[in-house]
C-alpha atoms as a PDB file:
ATOM      1  CA  UNK A   1     125.306  59.007 170.156  1.00  0.00           C
ATOM      2  CA  UNK A   2     124.017  55.175 168.815  1.00  0.00           C
ATOM      3  CA  UNK A   3     126.672  52.907 167.859  1.00  0.00           C
ATOM      4  CA  UNK A   4     124.363  51.876 165.045  1.00  0.00           C
ATOM      5  CA  UNK A   5     125.797  53.257 161.755  1.00  0.00           C
ATOM      6  CA  UNK A   6     122.612  55.658 159.815  1.00  0.00           C
ATOM      7  CA  UNK A   7     121.540  59.424 160.346  1.00  0.00           C
ATOM      8  CA  UNK A   8     119.774  59.941 163.324  1.00  0.00           C
ATOM      9  CA  UNK A   9     116.427  60.390 161.869  1.00  0.00           C
ATOM     10  CA  UNK A  10     116.862  57.600 159.325  1.00  0.00           C
ATOM     11  CA  UNK A  11     116.817  59.895 156.582  1.00  0.00           C
ATOM     12  CA  UNK A  12     119.057  59.433 153.678  1.00  0.00           C
ATOM     13  CA  UNK A  13     122.037  61.361 153.610  1.00  0.00           C
ATOM     14  CA  UNK A  14     123.120  64.125 151.507  1.00  0.00           C
ATOM     15  CA  UNK A  15     126.347  66.167 151.276  1.00  0.00           C
ATOM     16  CA  UNK A  16     126.495  69.317 149.705  1.00  0.00           C
ATOM     17  CA  UNK A  17     130.218  71.073 149.557  1.00  0.00           C
ATOM     18  CA  UNK A  18     130.054  74.792 149.500  1.00  0.00           C
ATOM     19  CA  UNK A  19     126.708  74.848 151.672  1.00  0.00           C
ATOM     20  CA  UNK A  20     127.114  77.866 153.941  1.00  0.00           C
ATOM     21  CA  UNK A  21     125.931  80.517 151.566  1.00  0.00           C
ATOM     22  CA  UNK A  22     124.182  80.995 147.882  1.00  0.00           C
ATOM     23  CA  UNK A  23     123.423  78.374 145.911  1.00  0.00           C
ATOM     24  CA  UNK A  24     124.815  75.758 148.819  1.00  0.00           C
ATOM     25  CA  UNK A  25     122.916  77.070 151.255  1.00  0.00           C
ATOM     26  CA  UNK A  26     119.406  77.520 149.381  1.00  0.00           C
ATOM     27  CA  UNK A  27     120.206  73.614 147.937  1.00  0.00           C
ATOM     28  CA  UNK A  28     120.982  72.228 151.596  1.00  0.00           C
ATOM     29  CA  UNK A  29     117.782  73.592 152.683  1.00  0.00           C
ATOM     30  CA  UNK A  30     115.809  72.702 149.496  1.00  0.00           C
ATOM     31  CA  UNK A  31     117.145  69.245 150.285  1.00  0.00           C
ATOM     32  CA  UNK A  32     116.284  69.269 153.493  1.00  0.00           C
ATOM     33  CA  UNK A  33     112.744  69.855 153.144  1.00  0.00           C
ATOM     34  CA  UNK A  34     112.334  67.088 150.796  1.00  0.00           C
ATOM     35  CA  UNK A  35     113.510  64.672 153.459  1.00  0.00           C
ATOM     36  CA  UNK A  36     117.537  64.553 153.314  1.00  0.00           C
ATOM     37  CA  UNK A  37     119.913  64.519 156.601  1.00  0.00           C
ATOM     38  CA  UNK A  38     122.010  67.150 154.969  1.00  0.00           C
ATOM     39  CA  UNK A  39     125.850  67.364 155.624  1.00  0.00           C
ATOM     40  CA  UNK A  40     126.342  71.396 154.960  1.00  0.00           C
ATOM     41  CA  UNK A  41     130.222  71.610 154.218  1.00  0.00           C
ATOM     42  CA  UNK A  42     132.108  74.782 154.547  1.00  0.00           C
ATOM     43  CA  UNK A  43     135.786  76.349 154.952  1.00  0.00           C
ATOM     44  CA  UNK A  44     135.887  79.222 157.341  1.00  0.00           C
ATOM     45  CA  UNK A  45     132.169  80.402 157.766  1.00  0.00           C
ATOM     46  CA  UNK A  46     131.421  78.199 160.296  1.00  0.00           C
ATOM     47  CA  UNK A  47     128.789  80.979 161.214  1.00  0.00           C
ATOM     48  CA  UNK A  48     127.065  80.737 157.668  1.00  0.00           C
ATOM     49  CA  UNK A  49     126.689  77.087 158.004  1.00  0.00           C
ATOM     50  CA  UNK A  50     125.240  77.030 161.291  1.00  0.00           C
ATOM     51  CA  UNK A  51     122.683  79.759 159.925  1.00  0.00           C
ATOM     52  CA  UNK A  52     122.106  77.414 156.814  1.00  0.00           C
ATOM     53  CA  UNK A  53     121.254  74.603 159.349  1.00  0.00           C
ATOM     54  CA  UNK A  54     118.915  76.509 161.392  1.00  0.00           C
ATOM     55  CA  UNK A  55     117.486  77.126 158.295  1.00  0.00           C
ATOM     56  CA  UNK A  56     116.821  73.334 157.913  1.00  0.00           C
ATOM     57  CA  UNK A  57     115.866  73.205 161.406  1.00  0.00           C
ATOM     58  CA  UNK A  58     113.260  75.706 160.815  1.00  0.00           C
ATOM     59  CA  UNK A  59     111.558  73.320 158.797  1.00  0.00           C
ATOM     60  CA  UNK A  60     111.643  70.018 161.006  1.00  0.00           C
ATOM     61  CA  UNK A  61     114.883  68.505 159.423  1.00  0.00           C
ATOM     62  CA  UNK A  62     117.860  67.251 160.611  1.00  0.00           C
ATOM     63  CA  UNK A  63     121.608  67.771 159.274  1.00  0.00           C
ATOM     64  CA  UNK A  64     124.872  68.988 160.447  1.00  0.00           C
ATOM     65  CA  UNK A  65     128.183  70.883 159.498  1.00  0.00           C
ATOM     66  CA  UNK A  66     131.380  69.629 158.032  1.00  0.00           C
ATOM     67  CA  UNK A  67     134.342  71.754 158.215  1.00  0.00           C
ATOM     68  CA  UNK A  68     136.594  70.874 155.450  1.00  0.00           C
ATOM     69  CA  UNK A  69     138.707  72.908 152.806  1.00  0.00           C
ATOM     70  CA  UNK A  70     137.838  70.376 149.785  1.00  0.00           C
ATOM     71  CA  UNK A  71     141.072  71.148 147.880  1.00  0.00           C
ATOM     72  CA  UNK A  72     142.894  69.633 150.960  1.00  0.00           C
ATOM     73  CA  UNK A  73     142.740  65.589 149.550  1.00  0.00           C
ATOM     74  CA  UNK A  74     144.369  64.107 152.706  1.00  0.00           C
ATOM     75  CA  UNK A  75     141.688  65.798 154.959  1.00  0.00           C
ATOM     76  CA  UNK A  76     138.880  65.493 152.451  1.00  0.00           C
ATOM     77  CA  UNK A  77     139.552  61.368 152.153  1.00  0.00           C
ATOM     78  CA  UNK A  78     139.934  61.188 156.344  1.00  0.00           C
ATOM     79  CA  UNK A  79     136.968  62.847 156.977  1.00  0.00           C
ATOM     80  CA  UNK A  80     134.749  61.843 154.718  1.00  0.00           C
ATOM     81  CA  UNK A  81     135.268  57.830 155.364  1.00  0.00           C
ATOM     82  CA  UNK A  82     134.952  58.670 158.924  1.00  0.00           C
ATOM     83  CA  UNK A  83     131.411  60.386 157.829  1.00  0.00           C
ATOM     84  CA  UNK A  84     130.069  57.495 156.256  1.00  0.00           C
ATOM     85  CA  UNK A  85     131.500  55.311 158.706  1.00  0.00           C
ATOM     86  CA  UNK A  86     129.428  57.005 161.396  1.00  0.00           C
ATOM     87  CA  UNK A  87     126.311  57.626 159.375  1.00  0.00           C
ATOM     88  CA  UNK A  88     126.368  55.111 156.555  1.00  0.00           C
ATOM     89  CA  UNK A  89     126.446  55.366 152.354  1.00  0.00           C
ATOM     90  CA  UNK A  90     125.643  59.164 150.765  1.00  0.00           C
ATOM     91  CA  UNK A  91     122.679  59.411 148.659  1.00  0.00           C
ATOM     92  CA  UNK A  92     122.900  62.566 147.132  1.00  0.00           C
ATOM     93  CA  UNK A  93     126.385  64.676 146.772  1.00  0.00           C
ATOM     94  CA  UNK A  94     126.326  67.989 145.655  1.00  0.00           C
ATOM     95  CA  UNK A  95     129.683  69.513 144.325  1.00  0.00           C
ATOM     96  CA  UNK A  96     128.895  73.296 144.833  1.00  0.00           C
ATOM     97  CA  UNK A  97     132.198  74.434 146.440  1.00  0.00           C
ATOM     98  CA  UNK A  98     133.845  77.077 143.774  1.00  0.00           C
ATOM     99  CA  UNK A  99     135.789  80.488 143.993  1.00  0.00           C
ATOM    100  CA  UNK A 100     136.674  83.143 141.664  1.00  0.00           C
ATOM    101  CA  UNK A 101     140.118  84.466 140.950  1.00  0.00           C
ATOM    102  CA  UNK A 102     139.366  86.820 138.200  1.00  0.00           C
ATOM    103  CA  UNK A 103     141.764  88.899 135.779  1.00  0.00           C
ATOM    104  CA  UNK A 104     143.072  89.049 132.431  1.00  0.00           C
ATOM    105  CA  UNK A 105     144.955  86.039 131.253  1.00  0.00           C
ATOM    106  CA  UNK A 106     148.632  87.291 130.326  1.00  0.00           C
ATOM    107  CA  UNK A 107     148.542  88.980 133.844  1.00  0.00           C
ATOM    108  CA  UNK A 108     146.966  86.316 135.662  1.00  0.00           C
ATOM    109  CA  UNK A 109     148.766  84.745 138.592  1.00  0.00           C
ATOM    110  CA  UNK A 110     149.754  81.172 139.020  1.00  0.00           C
ATOM    111  CA  UNK A 111     148.215  81.632 142.228  1.00  0.00           C
ATOM    112  CA  UNK A 112     144.966  82.840 140.816  1.00  0.00           C
ATOM    113  CA  UNK A 113     145.236  79.717 138.230  1.00  0.00           C
ATOM    114  CA  UNK A 114     145.930  77.174 140.788  1.00  0.00           C
ATOM    115  CA  UNK A 115     143.555  78.533 143.626  1.00  0.00           C
ATOM    116  CA  UNK A 116     140.230  77.987 141.058  1.00  0.00           C
ATOM    117  CA  UNK A 117     141.620  74.858 140.339  1.00  0.00           C
ATOM    118  CA  UNK A 118     142.143  73.233 143.383  1.00  0.00           C
ATOM    119  CA  UNK A 119     138.609  74.433 144.485  1.00  0.00           C
ATOM    120  CA  UNK A 120     136.557  72.735 141.571  1.00  0.00           C
ATOM    121  CA  UNK A 121     138.409  70.358 139.929  1.00  0.00           C
ATOM    122  CA  UNK A 122     140.756  69.024 142.852  1.00  0.00           C
ATOM    123  CA  UNK A 123     137.600  69.419 145.137  1.00  0.00           C
ATOM    124  CA  UNK A 124     135.514  67.404 142.748  1.00  0.00           C
ATOM    125  CA  UNK A 125     137.785  64.610 142.811  1.00  0.00           C
ATOM    126  CA  UNK A 126     138.694  64.673 146.767  1.00  0.00           C
ATOM    127  CA  UNK A 127     134.971  64.775 147.404  1.00  0.00           C
ATOM    128  CA  UNK A 128     133.533  62.388 144.937  1.00  0.00           C
ATOM    129  CA  UNK A 129     135.950  59.942 145.112  1.00  0.00           C
ATOM    130  CA  UNK A 130     135.488  58.432 148.690  1.00  0.00           C
ATOM    131  CA  UNK A 131     131.537  59.143 148.804  1.00  0.00           C
ATOM    132  CA  UNK A 132     131.901  56.994 145.483  1.00  0.00           C
ATOM    133  CA  UNK A 133     132.576  53.951 147.049  1.00  0.00           C
ATOM    134  CA  UNK A 134     129.094  53.844 149.322  1.00  0.00           C
ATOM    135  CA  UNK A 135     127.131  54.409 146.254  1.00  0.00           C
ATOM    136  CA  UNK A 136     128.638  51.732 144.064  1.00  0.00           C
ATOM    137  CA  UNK A 137     127.998  49.209 146.732  1.00  0.00           C
ATOM    138  CA  UNK A 138     124.372  50.092 147.294  1.00  0.00           C
ATOM    139  CA  UNK A 139     124.262  50.430 143.397  1.00  0.00           C
ATOM    140  CA  UNK A 140     122.442  53.712 144.025  1.00  0.00           C
ATOM    141  CA  UNK A 141     123.112  57.510 144.461  1.00  0.00           C
ATOM    142  CA  UNK A 142     122.927  60.817 142.745  1.00  0.00           C
ATOM    143  CA  UNK A 143     125.991  63.210 141.950  1.00  0.00           C
ATOM    144  CA  UNK A 144     125.090  67.014 141.090  1.00  0.00           C
ATOM    145  CA  UNK A 145     127.764  69.279 140.012  1.00  0.00           C
ATOM    146  CA  UNK A 146     127.427  72.840 139.805  1.00  0.00           C
ATOM    147  CA  UNK A 147     129.235  74.333 136.718  1.00  0.00           C
ATOM    148  CA  UNK A 148     128.144  77.740 135.654  1.00  0.00           C
ATOM    149  CA  UNK A 149     127.135  79.461 132.253  1.00  0.00           C
ATOM    150  CA  UNK A 150     130.963  80.213 131.866  1.00  0.00           C
ATOM    151  CA  UNK A 151     131.492  77.181 131.385  1.00  0.00           C
ATOM    152  CA  UNK A 152     129.707  76.924 128.199  1.00  0.00           C
ATOM    153  CA  UNK A 153     130.406  80.617 127.005  1.00  0.00           C
ATOM    154  CA  UNK A 154     133.536  82.489 126.946  1.00  0.00           C
ATOM    155  CA  UNK A 155     133.922  85.435 129.636  1.00  0.00           C
ATOM    156  CA  UNK A 156     136.741  87.656 129.511  1.00  0.00           C
ATOM    157  CA  UNK A 157     138.678  87.755 132.815  1.00  0.00           C
ATOM    158  CA  UNK A 158     137.531  84.208 133.860  1.00  0.00           C
ATOM    159  CA  UNK A 159     140.031  81.974 131.961  1.00  0.00           C
ATOM    160  CA  UNK A 160     140.411  80.144 134.928  1.00  0.00           C
ATOM    161  CA  UNK A 161     137.039  79.814 135.952  1.00  0.00           C
ATOM    162  CA  UNK A 162     135.700  79.122 132.539  1.00  0.00           C
ATOM    163  CA  UNK A 163     138.340  76.537 132.303  1.00  0.00           C
ATOM    164  CA  UNK A 164     137.764  74.851 135.798  1.00  0.00           C
ATOM    165  CA  UNK A 165     133.586  74.642 135.321  1.00  0.00           C
ATOM    166  CA  UNK A 166     134.325  73.412 131.639  1.00  0.00           C
ATOM    167  CA  UNK A 167     136.446  70.556 133.368  1.00  0.00           C
ATOM    168  CA  UNK A 168     133.762  69.590 135.846  1.00  0.00           C
ATOM    169  CA  UNK A 169     131.437  69.225 132.772  1.00  0.00           C
ATOM    170  CA  UNK A 170     133.487  66.907 131.070  1.00  0.00           C
ATOM    171  CA  UNK A 171     133.971  65.167 134.187  1.00  0.00           C
ATOM    172  CA  UNK A 172     130.303  64.836 134.861  1.00  0.00           C
ATOM    173  CA  UNK A 173     129.920  63.136 131.075  1.00  0.00           C
ATOM    174  CA  UNK A 174     132.823  60.746 131.654  1.00  0.00           C
ATOM    175  CA  UNK A 175     131.755  59.705 135.202  1.00  0.00           C
ATOM    176  CA  UNK A 176     128.064  59.391 134.535  1.00  0.00           C
ATOM    177  CA  UNK A 177     129.000  57.219 131.470  1.00  0.00           C
ATOM    178  CA  UNK A 178     131.201  54.765 133.864  1.00  0.00           C
ATOM    179  CA  UNK A 179     128.606  54.402 136.774  1.00  0.00           C
ATOM    180  CA  UNK A 180     125.003  54.500 135.253  1.00  0.00           C
ATOM    181  CA  UNK A 181     125.284  50.627 134.712  1.00  0.00           C
ATOM    182  CA  UNK A 182     125.499  50.631 138.508  1.00  0.00           C
ATOM    183  CA  UNK A 183     122.628  52.613 139.170  1.00  0.00           C
ATOM    184  CA  UNK A 184     124.172  56.118 139.920  1.00  0.00           C
ATOM    185  CA  UNK A 185     123.560  59.021 137.851  1.00  0.00           C
ATOM    186  CA  UNK A 186     125.802  61.997 137.580  1.00  0.00           C
ATOM    187  CA  UNK A 187     124.361  65.503 136.173  1.00  0.00           C
ATOM    188  CA  UNK A 188     125.756  68.892 136.642  1.00  0.00           C
ATOM    189  CA  UNK A 189     123.781  72.641 136.152  1.00  0.00           C
ATOM    190  CA  UNK A 190     125.440  75.541 134.936  1.00  0.00           C
ATOM    191  CA  UNK A 191     123.837  78.605 136.658  1.00  0.00           C
ATOM    192  CA  UNK A 192     123.878  81.905 135.117  1.00  0.00           C
ATOM    193  CA  UNK A 193     123.681  85.343 136.610  1.00  0.00           C
ATOM    194  CA  UNK A 194     122.731  84.692 140.268  1.00  0.00           C
ATOM    195  CA  UNK A 195     122.143  86.888 143.598  1.00  0.00           C
ATOM    196  CA  UNK A 196     125.272  85.610 145.204  1.00  0.00           C
ATOM    197  CA  UNK A 197     128.250  86.921 146.483  1.00  0.00           C
ATOM    198  CA  UNK A 198     129.909  86.694 143.122  1.00  0.00           C
ATOM    199  CA  UNK A 199     127.524  89.030 141.301  1.00  0.00           C
ATOM    200  CA  UNK A 200     126.937  91.093 144.752  1.00  0.00           C
ATOM    201  CA  UNK A 201     129.694  94.210 143.089  1.00  0.00           C
ATOM    202  CA  UNK A 202     128.310  94.132 139.601  1.00  0.00           C
ATOM    203  CA  UNK A 203     125.096  96.872 138.763  1.00  0.00           C
ATOM    204  CA  UNK A 204     122.131  95.126 138.200  1.00  0.00           C
ATOM    205  CA  UNK A 205     121.029  97.119 134.861  1.00  0.00           C
ATOM    206  CA  UNK A 206     124.479  96.078 133.679  1.00  0.00           C
ATOM    207  CA  UNK A 207     123.804  92.201 134.393  1.00  0.00           C
ATOM    208  CA  UNK A 208     119.781  92.290 132.983  1.00  0.00           C
ATOM    209  CA  UNK A 209     121.490  93.667 129.374  1.00  0.00           C
ATOM    210  CA  UNK A 210     122.847  90.273 129.290  1.00  0.00           C
ATOM    211  CA  UNK A 211     119.476  87.977 130.540  1.00  0.00           C
ATOM    212  CA  UNK A 212     116.503  87.565 128.096  1.00  0.00           C
ATOM    213  CA  UNK A 213     114.407  87.145 131.395  1.00  0.00           C
ATOM    214  CA  UNK A 214     115.602  90.218 132.148  1.00  0.00           C
ATOM    215  CA  UNK A 215     116.571  89.801 135.623  1.00  0.00           C
ATOM    216  CA  UNK A 216     118.897  88.208 137.870  1.00  0.00           C
ATOM    217  CA  UNK A 217     118.124  84.285 138.862  1.00  0.00           C
ATOM    218  CA  UNK A 218     117.694  83.674 142.740  1.00  0.00           C
ATOM    219  CA  UNK A 219     119.708  80.856 144.577  1.00  0.00           C
ATOM    220  CA  UNK A 220     116.336  78.604 145.274  1.00  0.00           C
ATOM    221  CA  UNK A 221     115.796  78.968 141.626  1.00  0.00           C
ATOM    222  CA  UNK A 222     118.999  76.444 141.045  1.00  0.00           C
ATOM    223  CA  UNK A 223     118.409  74.720 144.070  1.00  0.00           C
ATOM    224  CA  UNK A 224     114.975  73.400 142.599  1.00  0.00           C
ATOM    225  CA  UNK A 225     116.686  72.717 139.795  1.00  0.00           C
ATOM    226  CA  UNK A 226     119.420  70.251 141.664  1.00  0.00           C
ATOM    227  CA  UNK A 227     116.611  68.800 143.984  1.00  0.00           C
ATOM    228  CA  UNK A 228     114.926  67.504 140.556  1.00  0.00           C
ATOM    229  CA  UNK A 229     117.913  65.967 139.364  1.00  0.00           C
ATOM    230  CA  UNK A 230     118.304  63.996 142.520  1.00  0.00           C
ATOM    231  CA  UNK A 231     114.808  62.668 142.669  1.00  0.00           C
ATOM    232  CA  UNK A 232     113.038  59.763 141.172  1.00  0.00           C
ATOM    233  CA  UNK A 233     111.643  62.287 138.628  1.00  0.00           C
ATOM    234  CA  UNK A 234     114.911  62.327 137.187  1.00  0.00           C
ATOM    235  CA  UNK A 235     115.411  58.336 136.927  1.00  0.00           C
ATOM    236  CA  UNK A 236     116.577  58.484 133.230  1.00  0.00           C
ATOM    237  CA  UNK A 237     118.383  61.702 133.211  1.00  0.00           C
ATOM    238  CA  UNK A 238     122.271  61.288 133.474  1.00  0.00           C
ATOM    239  CA  UNK A 239     125.351  63.008 132.224  1.00  0.00           C
ATOM    240  CA  UNK A 240     123.383  65.992 131.437  1.00  0.00           C
ATOM    241  CA  UNK A 241     123.889  69.648 132.044  1.00  0.00           C
ATOM    242  CA  UNK A 242     121.376  71.870 132.415  1.00  0.00           C
ATOM    243  CA  UNK A 243     121.190  75.635 132.185  1.00  0.00           C
ATOM    244  CA  UNK A 244     119.889  77.988 134.903  1.00  0.00           C
ATOM    245  CA  UNK A 245     120.538  80.989 133.186  1.00  0.00           C
ATOM    246  CA  UNK A 246     117.256  82.925 132.203  1.00  0.00           C
ATOM    247  CA  UNK A 247     117.687  82.485 128.567  1.00  0.00           C
ATOM    248  CA  UNK A 248     121.627  83.659 128.678  1.00  0.00           C
ATOM    249  CA  UNK A 249     122.457  80.212 126.277  1.00  0.00           C
END
């Protein structure tokens, strides 16, 4: 490999956390389609991350996978610094990694609370903090955080998840205010009920009753909104939360 810093084909660099499945995979493919060299982050399922990469390559795009638990601060800082040393500064960051550990709050364990917070909120800090420096030096960049409709409307059995995603919304708005003058935009999407592993076990008729459009959304529909927020078409959009909910809110 060349010692010259930069992506192999000279494309701008994007990092997508939780990129192996669902909304993350769709986002990786969408960003690859419009010209990014995409780093597909995964925690455990290397095979799924490789499948995402193959979908990108089918479009004639390049990218690579990055095994990393975003909740591990030391590992995140080290691996993302090394990534930038090799490939250059990141143009786009999509903080998509998230987990659920549902249960009614009076019976919720500390581990269930910590697990969700660690991935969503600590993960936001652990990934964004090291990658933001390169954006600040270039005075350019776009960060999109994947929140949830649960951050906007309370959901029984998801106090931990709702709190974490609401915290991500607050972080989005505050960071946007800090870095707007540096040419960096920070936005969030708040997906509703989307066809992912998280909704796979819920009966579709039950879900449809909650959605004015009377259907569950596709990951690609969220990915296209993320792509818009990363693009020059959204050059005057920052500190915003866009719902992709089929009309739920």
